[in-house]
Amino acid sequence: MLQIIKIEWLKVKNYRTFWVFIILSLLSVLAPNFIIHDIFVKRIPKDAQKLLGASVYDFPLVWQTVASIGSYTSGIFGLLLITLVTNEFTYKTHRQNIIDGWERRDFVLSKLFWVVSLALVAFLTSLIAVLIFGGIYGNTPFSFENCHYLFYYLLQIIVMLLLALLLAMLVKRTGLAIILFVGYVMFLEQLLVFIAKRYLGNLGGLFPLQAGDELLPFPVLEKVEKLADPNYKGPYDNEVYLAVLIIYIVLIVWGVFRKMLRSDL
């Protein structure tokens, strides 16, 4: 595995597009929090802030805030993964790797390495955002309470990256794969969720990315719902959504291996 990681590193260390995507990905986690802070801390009237309670960047609420925002803005990590994977097919480097002694399983493992690596980059960047915004803009002492929201975010982004990986392996063309990925993330799943929730009720919340969103409601919206209904609870317990995300991870990994092991090079 270390040899696989070394080869993957050699592929990207001088690849400018990779580093541009990495910078944009980091900004996609950090920058929106500055905007949200400006809106919810500076521009909301004091009376409204008192009604909502603690600031969204006070501990322990900041864990949920950063994770929730990240769940909507980190799709760019998926675009980076699609670019890395489809480049393998475009330039035939996947074929060369196998000629040089890799097994097809090794090729899949090399891409799963990027799934895990990019997910950890997103996770660690979000952790840094929590420390920055909670420490500088928060008015309460540091607390680990609610830190589980970052782990929910980690699971969601792993599912998203695996979807991007599967799509890249099926399509093999960068432009088309990116269009389909963006279309699914931004439009198609939202449409499917809307239709499913209308006709199937709570089952509509079990789509791959929506399951993560159900675990990561934005604090202010959650407070408004609870003010309107003190007995408000999510459609399902968190354990249900966690189980669904894990099932998606297993199924997509199985699908990626099946596709690579059975397809022509």
C-alpha atoms as a PDB file:
ATOM      1  CA  MET A   1       0.000   0.000   0.000  1.00  0.00           C
ATOM      2  CA  LEU A   2       2.874   2.386   0.749  1.00  0.00           C
ATOM      3  CA  GLN A   3       4.174   1.847  -2.776  1.00  0.00           C
ATOM      4  CA  ILE A   4       0.739   2.691  -4.184  1.00  0.00           C
ATOM      5  CA  ILE A   5       0.611   5.897  -2.120  1.00  0.00           C
ATOM      6  CA  LYS A   6       4.099   6.869  -3.290  1.00  0.00           C
ATOM      7  CA  ILE A   7       3.132   6.413  -6.946  1.00  0.00           C
ATOM      8  CA  GLU A   8      -0.066   8.420  -6.463  1.00  0.00           C
ATOM      9  CA  TRP A   9       1.930  11.223  -4.880  1.00  0.00           C
ATOM     10  CA  LEU A  10       4.369  11.271  -7.812  1.00  0.00           C
ATOM     11  CA  LYS A  11       1.404  11.675 -10.156  1.00  0.00           C
ATOM     12  CA  VAL A  12       0.122  14.846  -8.483  1.00  0.00           C
ATOM     13  CA  LYS A  13       3.050  16.607  -6.821  1.00  0.00           C
ATOM     14  CA  ASN A  14       3.786  18.682  -9.952  1.00  0.00           C
ATOM     15  CA  TYR A  15       0.210  18.746 -11.252  1.00  0.00           C
ATOM     16  CA  ARG A  16      -0.932  22.381 -11.004  1.00  0.00           C
ATOM     17  CA  THR A  17      -4.611  21.599 -11.424  1.00  0.00           C
ATOM     18  CA  PHE A  18      -4.440  19.379  -8.352  1.00  0.00           C
ATOM     19  CA  TRP A  19      -3.006  22.160  -6.183  1.00  0.00           C
ATOM     20  CA  VAL A  20      -5.484  24.714  -7.534  1.00  0.00           C
ATOM     21  CA  PHE A  21      -8.340  22.362  -6.627  1.00  0.00           C
ATOM     22  CA  ILE A  22      -6.857  21.778  -3.179  1.00  0.00           C
ATOM     23  CA  ILE A  23      -6.690  25.524  -2.506  1.00  0.00           C
ATOM     24  CA  LEU A  24     -10.249  26.025  -3.776  1.00  0.00           C
ATOM     25  CA  SER A  25     -11.421  23.080  -1.677  1.00  0.00           C
ATOM     26  CA  LEU A  26      -9.911  24.554   1.477  1.00  0.00           C
ATOM     27  CA  LEU A  27     -11.484  27.923   0.703  1.00  0.00           C
ATOM     28  CA  SER A  28     -14.851  26.234   0.120  1.00  0.00           C
ATOM     29  CA  VAL A  29     -14.758  25.069   3.740  1.00  0.00           C
ATOM     30  CA  LEU A  30     -13.425  28.274   5.320  1.00  0.00           C
ATOM     31  CA  ALA A  31     -14.823  31.153   3.253  1.00  0.00           C
ATOM     32  CA  PRO A  32     -18.576  30.450   3.682  1.00  0.00           C
ATOM     33  CA  ASN A  33     -18.160  30.645   7.443  1.00  0.00           C
ATOM     34  CA  PHE A  34     -16.989  34.251   7.164  1.00  0.00           C
ATOM     35  CA  ILE A  35     -20.146  35.029   5.170  1.00  0.00           C
ATOM     36  CA  ILE A  36     -22.414  33.238   7.642  1.00  0.00           C
ATOM     37  CA  HIS A  37     -20.693  35.001  10.537  1.00  0.00           C
ATOM     38  CA  ASP A  38     -21.251  38.356   8.876  1.00  0.00           C
ATOM     39  CA  ILE A  39     -24.934  37.585   8.306  1.00  0.00           C
ATOM     40  CA  PHE A  40     -25.899  35.919  11.579  1.00  0.00           C
ATOM     41  CA  VAL A  41     -23.639  37.782  13.974  1.00  0.00           C
ATOM     42  CA  LYS A  42     -23.358  41.284  12.532  1.00  0.00           C
ATOM     43  CA  ARG A  43     -26.533  41.851  10.531  1.00  0.00           C
ATOM     44  CA  ILE A  44     -29.268  40.133  12.532  1.00  0.00           C
ATOM     45  CA  PRO A  45     -30.844  42.573  15.030  1.00  0.00           C
ATOM     46  CA  LYS A  46     -29.873  42.058  18.664  1.00  0.00           C
ATOM     47  CA  ASP A  47     -33.469  41.240  19.660  1.00  0.00           C
ATOM     48  CA  ALA A  48     -33.619  38.468  17.062  1.00  0.00           C
ATOM     49  CA  GLN A  49     -30.253  37.110  18.228  1.00  0.00           C
ATOM     50  CA  LYS A  50     -31.546  36.943  21.815  1.00  0.00           C
ATOM     51  CA  LEU A  51     -34.618  35.062  20.612  1.00  0.00           C
ATOM     52  CA  LEU A  52     -32.424  32.516  18.845  1.00  0.00           C
ATOM     53  CA  GLY A  53     -30.201  32.110  21.886  1.00  0.00           C
ATOM     54  CA  ALA A  54     -26.469  31.396  21.634  1.00  0.00           C
ATOM     55  CA  SER A  55     -24.510  32.567  18.613  1.00  0.00           C
ATOM     56  CA  VAL A  56     -24.000  29.949  15.910  1.00  0.00           C
ATOM     57  CA  TYR A  57     -20.249  30.309  16.534  1.00  0.00           C
ATOM     58  CA  ASP A  58     -20.389  29.816  20.291  1.00  0.00           C
ATOM     59  CA  PHE A  59     -19.251  26.470  21.640  1.00  0.00           C
ATOM     60  CA  PRO A  60     -20.717  23.893  21.452  1.00  0.00           C
ATOM     61  CA  LEU A  61     -22.958  25.117  18.603  1.00  0.00           C
ATOM     62  CA  VAL A  62     -20.000  25.973  16.347  1.00  0.00           C
ATOM     63  CA  TRP A  63     -19.322  22.265  15.703  1.00  0.00           C
ATOM     64  CA  GLN A  64     -22.751  21.877  14.137  1.00  0.00           C
ATOM     65  CA  THR A  65     -22.541  25.193  12.274  1.00  0.00           C
ATOM     66  CA  VAL A  66     -19.232  24.444  10.557  1.00  0.00           C
ATOM     67  CA  ALA A  67     -20.219  20.854   9.731  1.00  0.00           C
ATOM     68  CA  SER A  68     -23.581  21.944   8.329  1.00  0.00           C
ATOM     69  CA  ILE A  69     -22.044  24.638   6.126  1.00  0.00           C
ATOM     70  CA  GLY A  70     -19.322  22.264   4.956  1.00  0.00           C
ATOM     71  CA  SER A  71     -21.894  19.708   3.858  1.00  0.00           C
ATOM     72  CA  TYR A  72     -23.226  22.202   1.308  1.00  0.00           C
ATOM     73  CA  THR A  73     -19.938  23.592  -0.005  1.00  0.00           C
ATOM     74  CA  SER A  74     -17.476  20.718  -0.227  1.00  0.00           C
ATOM     75  CA  GLY A  75     -18.645  19.291  -3.553  1.00  0.00           C
ATOM     76  CA  ILE A  76     -15.466  20.699  -5.046  1.00  0.00           C
ATOM     77  CA  PHE A  77     -13.591  17.798  -3.424  1.00  0.00           C
ATOM     78  CA  GLY A  78     -15.681  15.541  -5.644  1.00  0.00           C
ATOM     79  CA  LEU A  79     -14.684  17.525  -8.731  1.00  0.00           C
ATOM     80  CA  LEU A  80     -11.025  17.072  -7.820  1.00  0.00           C
ATOM     81  CA  LEU A  81     -11.465  13.316  -7.402  1.00  0.00           C
ATOM     82  CA  ILE A  82     -13.268  13.042 -10.743  1.00  0.00           C
ATOM     83  CA  THR A  83     -10.403  14.899 -12.427  1.00  0.00           C
ATOM     84  CA  LEU A  84      -7.792  12.601 -10.878  1.00  0.00           C
ATOM     85  CA  VAL A  85      -9.643   9.420 -11.816  1.00  0.00           C
ATOM     86  CA  THR A  86     -10.703  10.338 -15.343  1.00  0.00           C
ATOM     87  CA  ASN A  87      -7.159  11.505 -16.128  1.00  0.00           C
ATOM     88  CA  GLU A  88      -6.080   7.905 -15.553  1.00  0.00           C
ATOM     89  CA  PHE A  89      -8.378   6.760 -18.358  1.00  0.00           C
ATOM     90  CA  THR A  90      -7.665   9.732 -20.628  1.00  0.00           C
ATOM     91  CA  TYR A  91      -3.884   9.272 -20.510  1.00  0.00           C
ATOM     92  CA  LYS A  92      -4.022   5.447 -20.127  1.00  0.00           C
ATOM     93  CA  THR A  93      -1.930   5.559 -16.951  1.00  0.00           C
ATOM     94  CA  HIS A  94      -4.250   2.962 -15.364  1.00  0.00           C
ATOM     95  CA  ARG A  95      -3.268   0.545 -18.152  1.00  0.00           C
ATOM     96  CA  GLN A  96       0.411   1.344 -17.719  1.00  0.00           C
ATOM     97  CA  ASN A  97       0.172   0.731 -13.966  1.00  0.00           C
ATOM     98  CA  ILE A  98      -1.253  -2.730 -14.591  1.00  0.00           C
ATOM     99  CA  ILE A  99       1.369  -3.481 -17.237  1.00  0.00           C
ATOM    100  CA  ASP A 100       4.001  -2.493 -14.664  1.00  0.00           C
ATOM    101  CA  GLY A 101       2.710  -5.070 -12.216  1.00  0.00           C
ATOM    102  CA  TRP A 102      -0.321  -3.639 -10.453  1.00  0.00           C
ATOM    103  CA  GLU A 103      -3.405  -5.753 -10.047  1.00  0.00           C
ATOM    104  CA  ARG A 104      -6.753  -4.189 -10.856  1.00  0.00           C
ATOM    105  CA  ARG A 105      -7.481  -4.287  -7.140  1.00  0.00           C
ATOM    106  CA  ASP A 106      -4.416  -2.094  -6.568  1.00  0.00           C
ATOM    107  CA  PHE A 107      -5.782   0.514  -8.960  1.00  0.00           C
ATOM    108  CA  VAL A 108      -9.056   0.658  -7.023  1.00  0.00           C
ATOM    109  CA  LEU A 109      -7.156   0.894  -3.743  1.00  0.00           C
ATOM    110  CA  SER A 110      -5.155   3.828  -5.139  1.00  0.00           C
ATOM    111  CA  LYS A 111      -8.398   5.717  -5.813  1.00  0.00           C
ATOM    112  CA  LEU A 112      -9.879   4.774  -2.448  1.00  0.00           C
ATOM    113  CA  PHE A 113      -6.715   6.269  -0.980  1.00  0.00           C
ATOM    114  CA  TRP A 114      -7.730   9.597  -2.531  1.00  0.00           C
ATOM    115  CA  VAL A 115     -11.276   9.234  -1.195  1.00  0.00           C
ATOM    116  CA  VAL A 116      -9.961   8.807   2.339  1.00  0.00           C
ATOM    117  CA  SER A 117      -7.264  11.486   1.941  1.00  0.00           C
ATOM    118  CA  LEU A 118      -9.601  14.155   0.589  1.00  0.00           C
ATOM    119  CA  ALA A 119     -12.219  13.331   3.214  1.00  0.00           C
ATOM    120  CA  LEU A 120      -9.603  13.756   5.939  1.00  0.00           C
ATOM    121  CA  VAL A 121      -8.453  17.058   4.407  1.00  0.00           C
ATOM    122  CA  ALA A 122     -12.057  18.299   4.529  1.00  0.00           C
ATOM    123  CA  PHE A 123     -12.444  17.012   8.088  1.00  0.00           C
ATOM    124  CA  LEU A 124      -9.217  18.613   9.361  1.00  0.00           C
ATOM    125  CA  THR A 125      -9.984  21.904   7.581  1.00  0.00           C
ATOM    126  CA  SER A 126     -13.412  21.944   9.226  1.00  0.00           C
ATOM    127  CA  LEU A 127     -11.777  21.239  12.580  1.00  0.00           C
ATOM    128  CA  ILE A 128      -9.476  24.228  12.038  1.00  0.00           C
ATOM    129  CA  ALA A 129     -12.530  26.332  11.115  1.00  0.00           C
ATOM    130  CA  VAL A 130     -14.218  25.302  14.380  1.00  0.00           C
ATOM    131  CA  LEU A 131     -11.167  26.357  16.381  1.00  0.00           C
ATOM    132  CA  ILE A 132     -10.811  29.658  14.496  1.00  0.00           C
ATOM    133  CA  PHE A 133     -14.450  30.747  14.544  1.00  0.00           C
ATOM    134  CA  GLY A 134     -15.271  29.316  17.940  1.00  0.00           C
ATOM    135  CA  GLY A 135     -12.119  30.780  19.452  1.00  0.00           C
ATOM    136  CA  ILE A 136     -12.191  34.221  17.817  1.00  0.00           C
ATOM    137  CA  TYR A 137     -15.883  34.914  17.293  1.00  0.00           C
ATOM    138  CA  GLY A 138     -17.443  32.740  19.999  1.00  0.00           C
ATOM    139  CA  ASN A 139     -18.239  33.994  23.476  1.00  0.00           C
ATOM    140  CA  THR A 140     -18.111  30.695  25.362  1.00  0.00           C
ATOM    141  CA  PRO A 141     -15.269  28.414  26.503  1.00  0.00           C
ATOM    142  CA  PHE A 142     -14.006  25.588  24.306  1.00  0.00           C
ATOM    143  CA  SER A 143     -16.047  22.402  24.560  1.00  0.00           C
ATOM    144  CA  PHE A 144     -16.011  19.004  22.824  1.00  0.00           C
ATOM    145  CA  GLU A 145     -19.772  18.769  23.171  1.00  0.00           C
ATOM    146  CA  ASN A 146     -21.361  18.377  19.716  1.00  0.00           C
ATOM    147  CA  CYS A 147     -18.026  17.411  18.112  1.00  0.00           C
ATOM    148  CA  HIS A 148     -19.831  14.338  16.724  1.00  0.00           C
ATOM    149  CA  TYR A 149     -21.260  16.605  14.018  1.00  0.00           C
ATOM    150  CA  LEU A 150     -17.828  16.711  12.379  1.00  0.00           C
ATOM    151  CA  PHE A 151     -17.833  12.925  12.206  1.00  0.00           C
ATOM    152  CA  TYR A 152     -21.274  13.025  10.596  1.00  0.00           C
ATOM    153  CA  TYR A 153     -19.774  15.422   8.062  1.00  0.00           C
ATOM    154  CA  LEU A 154     -16.846  13.050   7.490  1.00  0.00           C
ATOM    155  CA  LEU A 155     -19.227  10.199   6.693  1.00  0.00           C
ATOM    156  CA  GLN A 156     -21.253  12.358   4.328  1.00  0.00           C
ATOM    157  CA  ILE A 157     -18.235  13.553   2.384  1.00  0.00           C
ATOM    158  CA  ILE A 158     -16.935   9.982   2.082  1.00  0.00           C
ATOM    159  CA  VAL A 159     -20.261   9.000   0.510  1.00  0.00           C
ATOM    160  CA  MET A 160     -20.107  11.990  -1.824  1.00  0.00           C
ATOM    161  CA  LEU A 161     -16.529  11.184  -2.885  1.00  0.00           C
ATOM    162  CA  LEU A 162     -17.422   7.538  -3.470  1.00  0.00           C
ATOM    163  CA  LEU A 163     -20.303   8.630  -5.699  1.00  0.00           C
ATOM    164  CA  ALA A 164     -17.843  10.816  -7.622  1.00  0.00           C
ATOM    165  CA  LEU A 165     -15.431   7.866  -7.899  1.00  0.00           C
ATOM    166  CA  LEU A 166     -18.099   5.497  -9.178  1.00  0.00           C
ATOM    167  CA  LEU A 167     -19.335   8.057 -11.686  1.00  0.00           C
ATOM    168  CA  ALA A 168     -15.784   8.750 -12.920  1.00  0.00           C
ATOM    169  CA  MET A 169     -15.153   5.038 -13.444  1.00  0.00           C
ATOM    170  CA  LEU A 170     -18.424   4.579 -15.303  1.00  0.00           C
ATOM    171  CA  VAL A 171     -18.132   7.632 -17.559  1.00  0.00           C
ATOM    172  CA  LYS A 172     -14.295   7.944 -17.860  1.00  0.00           C
ATOM    173  CA  ARG A 173     -14.538  11.418 -19.413  1.00  0.00           C
ATOM    174  CA  THR A 174     -13.741  14.418 -17.258  1.00  0.00           C
ATOM    175  CA  GLY A 175     -16.191  16.954 -18.676  1.00  0.00           C
ATOM    176  CA  LEU A 176     -19.180  14.640 -18.845  1.00  0.00           C
ATOM    177  CA  ALA A 177     -18.485  13.140 -15.411  1.00  0.00           C
ATOM    178  CA  ILE A 178     -18.265  16.610 -13.838  1.00  0.00           C
ATOM    179  CA  ILE A 179     -21.523  17.715 -15.492  1.00  0.00           C
ATOM    180  CA  LEU A 180     -23.326  14.597 -14.286  1.00  0.00           C
ATOM    181  CA  PHE A 181     -21.871  14.915 -10.786  1.00  0.00           C
ATOM    182  CA  VAL A 182     -22.796  18.581 -10.420  1.00  0.00           C
ATOM    183  CA  GLY A 183     -26.229  17.872 -11.887  1.00  0.00           C
ATOM    184  CA  TYR A 184     -26.851  15.091  -9.396  1.00  0.00           C
ATOM    185  CA  VAL A 185     -25.533  16.958  -6.352  1.00  0.00           C
ATOM    186  CA  MET A 186     -27.227  20.267  -7.090  1.00  0.00           C
ATOM    187  CA  PHE A 187     -30.427  19.289  -8.875  1.00  0.00           C
ATOM    188  CA  LEU A 188     -31.297  15.635  -9.432  1.00  0.00           C
ATOM    189  CA  GLU A 189     -31.064  14.357  -5.865  1.00  0.00           C
ATOM    190  CA  GLN A 190     -32.929  17.409  -4.570  1.00  0.00           C
ATOM    191  CA  LEU A 191     -35.710  16.708  -7.075  1.00  0.00           C
ATOM    192  CA  LEU A 192     -35.797  13.025  -6.145  1.00  0.00           C
ATOM    193  CA  VAL A 193     -35.894  13.899  -2.439  1.00  0.00           C
ATOM    194  CA  PHE A 194     -38.766  16.333  -3.005  1.00  0.00           C
ATOM    195  CA  ILE A 195     -40.784  13.771  -4.977  1.00  0.00           C
ATOM    196  CA  ALA A 196     -40.003  10.923  -2.571  1.00  0.00           C
ATOM    197  CA  LYS A 197     -40.886  12.958   0.515  1.00  0.00           C
ATOM    198  CA  ARG A 198     -44.153  13.994  -1.087  1.00  0.00           C
ATOM    199  CA  TYR A 199     -45.234  10.463  -1.996  1.00  0.00           C
ATOM    200  CA  LEU A 200     -43.208   8.230   0.330  1.00  0.00           C
ATOM    201  CA  GLY A 201     -42.829  10.451   3.383  1.00  0.00           C
ATOM    202  CA  ASN A 202     -39.699  10.114   5.486  1.00  0.00           C
ATOM    203  CA  LEU A 203     -38.121   7.610   3.097  1.00  0.00           C
ATOM    204  CA  GLY A 204     -37.240  10.600   0.938  1.00  0.00           C
ATOM    205  CA  GLY A 205     -34.590  11.538   3.476  1.00  0.00           C
ATOM    206  CA  LEU A 206     -32.605   8.351   2.849  1.00  0.00           C
ATOM    207  CA  PHE A 207     -30.958   9.318  -0.438  1.00  0.00           C
ATOM    208  CA  PRO A 208     -27.121   9.273  -0.264  1.00  0.00           C
ATOM    209  CA  LEU A 209     -26.394  12.961   0.326  1.00  0.00           C
ATOM    210  CA  GLN A 210     -29.740  13.803   1.889  1.00  0.00           C
ATOM    211  CA  ALA A 211     -29.115  11.285   4.669  1.00  0.00           C
ATOM    212  CA  GLY A 212     -26.052  13.315   5.619  1.00  0.00           C
ATOM    213  CA  ASP A 213     -27.998  16.560   5.414  1.00  0.00           C
ATOM    214  CA  GLU A 214     -30.591  15.144   7.800  1.00  0.00           C
ATOM    215  CA  LEU A 215     -27.788  14.625  10.328  1.00  0.00           C
ATOM    216  CA  LEU A 216     -26.455  18.151   9.823  1.00  0.00           C
ATOM    217  CA  PRO A 217     -29.300  20.691  10.114  1.00  0.00           C
ATOM    218  CA  PHE A 218     -28.191  24.294  10.334  1.00  0.00           C
ATOM    219  CA  PRO A 219     -28.545  25.374  14.003  1.00  0.00           C
ATOM    220  CA  VAL A 220     -30.744  28.436  13.426  1.00  0.00           C
ATOM    221  CA  LEU A 221     -33.196  26.527  11.237  1.00  0.00           C
ATOM    222  CA  GLU A 222     -33.343  23.758  13.796  1.00  0.00           C
ATOM    223  CA  LYS A 223     -34.062  26.306  16.543  1.00  0.00           C
ATOM    224  CA  VAL A 224     -36.850  27.903  14.509  1.00  0.00           C
ATOM    225  CA  GLU A 225     -38.455  24.485  13.991  1.00  0.00           C
ATOM    226  CA  LYS A 226     -38.228  23.760  17.719  1.00  0.00           C
ATOM    227  CA  LEU A 227     -39.707  27.167  18.574  1.00  0.00           C
ATOM    228  CA  ALA A 228     -42.626  26.429  16.264  1.00  0.00           C
ATOM    229  CA  ASP A 229     -43.002  22.913  17.692  1.00  0.00           C
ATOM    230  CA  PRO A 230     -41.348  22.205  21.082  1.00  0.00           C
ATOM    231  CA  ASN A 231     -41.781  18.461  20.459  1.00  0.00           C
ATOM    232  CA  TYR A 232     -40.022  18.612  17.102  1.00  0.00           C
ATOM    233  CA  LYS A 233     -37.832  15.632  16.232  1.00  0.00           C
ATOM    234  CA  GLY A 234     -36.213  14.581  12.980  1.00  0.00           C
ATOM    235  CA  PRO A 235     -38.062  12.036  10.837  1.00  0.00           C
ATOM    236  CA  TYR A 236     -35.754   9.216  11.981  1.00  0.00           C
ATOM    237  CA  ASP A 237     -33.260   8.759  14.792  1.00  0.00           C
ATOM    238  CA  ASN A 238     -29.660   9.626  13.901  1.00  0.00           C
ATOM    239  CA  GLU A 239     -28.717   5.947  14.097  1.00  0.00           C
ATOM    240  CA  VAL A 240     -30.924   5.258  11.074  1.00  0.00           C
ATOM    241  CA  TYR A 241     -29.171   7.862   8.922  1.00  0.00           C
ATOM    242  CA  LEU A 242     -25.749   6.680  10.122  1.00  0.00           C
ATOM    243  CA  ALA A 243     -26.624   3.101   9.193  1.00  0.00           C
ATOM    244  CA  VAL A 244     -27.856   4.242   5.769  1.00  0.00           C
ATOM    245  CA  LEU A 245     -24.608   6.135   5.099  1.00  0.00           C
ATOM    246  CA  ILE A 246     -22.530   3.095   6.048  1.00  0.00           C
ATOM    247  CA  ILE A 247     -24.643   0.892   3.777  1.00  0.00           C
ATOM    248  CA  TYR A 248     -24.084   3.331   0.892  1.00  0.00           C
ATOM    249  CA  ILE A 249     -20.328   3.258   1.537  1.00  0.00           C
ATOM    250  CA  VAL A 250     -20.242  -0.550   1.434  1.00  0.00           C
ATOM    251  CA  LEU A 251     -22.422  -0.767  -1.695  1.00  0.00           C
ATOM    252  CA  ILE A 252     -20.502   1.873  -3.645  1.00  0.00           C
ATOM    253  CA  VAL A 253     -17.105   0.370  -2.756  1.00  0.00           C
ATOM    254  CA  TRP A 254     -18.431  -3.009  -3.889  1.00  0.00           C
ATOM    255  CA  GLY A 255     -19.706  -1.427  -7.124  1.00  0.00           C
ATOM    256  CA  VAL A 256     -16.349   0.257  -7.827  1.00  0.00           C
ATOM    257  CA  PHE A 257     -14.441  -3.015  -7.340  1.00  0.00           C
ATOM    258  CA  ARG A 258     -16.948  -4.913  -9.483  1.00  0.00           C
ATOM    259  CA  LYS A 259     -16.705  -2.342 -12.267  1.00  0.00           C
ATOM    260  CA  MET A 260     -12.893  -2.322 -12.333  1.00  0.00           C
ATOM    261  CA  LEU A 261     -12.420  -6.078 -11.998  1.00  0.00           C
ATOM    262  CA  ARG A 262     -14.854  -6.905 -14.810  1.00  0.00           C
ATOM    263  CA  SER A 263     -14.396  -4.091 -17.326  1.00  0.00           C
ATOM    264  CA  ASP A 264     -12.035  -3.946 -20.292  1.00  0.00           C
ATOM    265  CA  LEU A 265      -8.931  -1.815 -19.911  1.00  0.00           C
END
